[in-house]
Amino acid sequence: MLRTSRSLTTAQLRSLVQDLNTERARLERRLALEDFDLKEIAVGVHTEIAARRDALVAALERIADGSYGVCERCQQDIPLGRLIVMPEATHCAVCPTLA
């Protein structure tokens, strides 16, 4: 199992969890309101919202298992600023993600 970022304080982690849960709830409300008979562009938006929600859920799971805030590639701490802007980040800014 990966380690939790040593650079995050308990208060910072608690704040990030709150942000993740708030964004997740917002996205879930949007998904619930979507009309599934919409045109192709709306389906694309729905898909992107669902993907973001899934990334936030995965981030919350990493918090729970203790691997949050550590780059999956280089195992270095992900800087707090990056986590604030993109709390679902799985890589530091230096390591490219595999798409």
Protein backbone atom coordinates (compact mmCIF):
# COMPACT_ATOMS: atom_id res chain seq x y z
CA MET A 1 0.00 0.00 0.00
CA LEU A 2 1.17 3.52 -0.74
CA ARG A 3 1.74 6.03 1.99
CA THR A 4 -0.25 9.20 2.67
CA SER A 5 1.48 12.45 1.84
CA ARG A 6 3.61 13.54 4.78
CA SER A 7 3.25 17.17 3.78
CA LEU A 8 -0.50 17.30 4.49
CA THR A 9 -1.65 18.27 7.95
CA THR A 10 -4.80 16.79 9.46
CA ALA A 11 -6.57 20.12 8.95
CA GLN A 12 -5.51 20.31 5.29
CA LEU A 13 -6.65 16.74 4.68
CA ARG A 14 -9.97 17.43 6.42
CA SER A 15 -10.46 20.52 4.23
CA LEU A 16 -9.69 18.53 1.07
CA VAL A 17 -12.15 15.81 2.10
CA GLN A 18 -14.82 18.47 2.61
CA ASP A 19 -14.05 19.96 -0.83
CA LEU A 20 -14.16 16.52 -2.47
CA ASN A 21 -17.49 15.67 -0.85
CA THR A 22 -18.99 19.06 -1.76
CA GLU A 23 -17.96 18.72 -5.41
CA ARG A 24 -19.12 15.10 -5.50
CA ALA A 25 -22.56 16.09 -4.18
CA ARG A 26 -22.80 18.92 -6.72
CA LEU A 27 -21.95 16.58 -9.58
CA GLU A 28 -24.37 13.93 -8.36
CA ARG A 29 -27.16 16.54 -8.25
CA ARG A 30 -26.33 17.53 -11.85
CA LEU A 31 -26.34 13.90 -12.94
CA ALA A 32 -29.72 13.32 -11.28
CA LEU A 33 -31.18 16.30 -13.14
CA GLU A 34 -29.89 15.25 -16.55
CA ASP A 35 -32.52 14.13 -19.03
CA PHE A 36 -31.17 10.97 -20.62
CA ASP A 37 -33.05 11.66 -23.87
CA LEU A 38 -30.86 14.69 -24.59
CA LYS A 39 -28.93 15.22 -27.80
CA GLU A 40 -25.38 13.98 -28.32
CA ILE A 41 -23.72 17.06 -26.81
CA ALA A 42 -25.64 16.63 -23.55
CA VAL A 43 -24.60 12.97 -23.42
CA GLY A 44 -20.96 14.11 -23.69
CA VAL A 45 -21.46 16.56 -20.82
CA HIS A 46 -23.13 13.83 -18.76
CA THR A 47 -20.18 11.52 -19.45
CA GLU A 48 -17.67 14.16 -18.35
CA ILE A 49 -19.62 14.90 -15.16
CA ALA A 50 -19.79 11.20 -14.35
CA ALA A 51 -16.05 10.79 -14.98
CA ARG A 52 -15.21 13.72 -12.67
CA ARG A 53 -17.51 12.32 -10.00
CA ASP A 54 -15.79 8.93 -10.30
CA ALA A 55 -12.37 10.61 -9.95
CA LEU A 56 -13.55 12.36 -6.78
CA VAL A 57 -14.88 9.08 -5.36
CA ALA A 58 -11.51 7.47 -6.12
CA ALA A 59 -9.73 10.34 -4.31
CA LEU A 60 -11.92 9.79 -1.26
CA GLU A 61 -11.06 6.08 -1.40
CA ARG A 62 -7.34 6.96 -1.50
CA ILE A 63 -7.84 9.13 1.58
CA ALA A 64 -9.52 6.21 3.32
CA ASP A 65 -6.77 3.73 2.38
CA GLY A 66 -3.93 6.12 3.20
CA SER A 67 -2.53 6.63 -0.31
CA TYR A 68 -3.90 10.14 -0.98
CA GLY A 69 -1.51 12.94 -1.90
CA VAL A 70 1.29 10.71 -3.16
CA CYS A 71 2.19 10.56 -6.85
CA GLU A 72 1.32 7.16 -8.28
CA ARG A 73 4.36 7.28 -10.57
CA CYS A 74 7.29 8.71 -8.55
CA GLN A 75 5.90 8.20 -5.01
CA GLN A 76 6.71 11.82 -4.06
CA ASP A 77 4.24 14.04 -2.25
CA ILE A 78 1.83 15.92 -4.50
CA PRO A 79 2.09 19.62 -3.52
CA LEU A 80 -0.83 21.00 -1.51
CA GLY A 81 -1.45 23.73 -4.11
CA ARG A 82 -2.04 21.11 -6.80
CA LEU A 83 -4.39 19.17 -4.51
CA ILE A 84 -6.35 22.33 -3.73
CA VAL A 85 -6.83 23.09 -7.44
CA MET A 86 -7.28 19.46 -8.47
CA PRO A 87 -8.06 17.37 -5.37
CA GLU A 88 -8.49 14.23 -7.45
CA ALA A 89 -4.88 14.44 -8.71
CA THR A 90 -3.02 11.14 -8.77
CA HIS A 91 0.27 12.50 -10.10
CA CYS A 92 2.58 15.36 -9.25
CA ALA A 93 2.98 18.13 -11.85
CA VAL A 94 6.27 16.64 -13.08
CA CYS A 95 5.06 13.10 -13.83
CA PRO A 96 2.80 12.71 -16.86
CA THR A 97 -0.39 10.73 -16.46
CA LEU A 98 -1.06 7.84 -18.78
CA ALA A 99 -4.21 8.50 -20.76
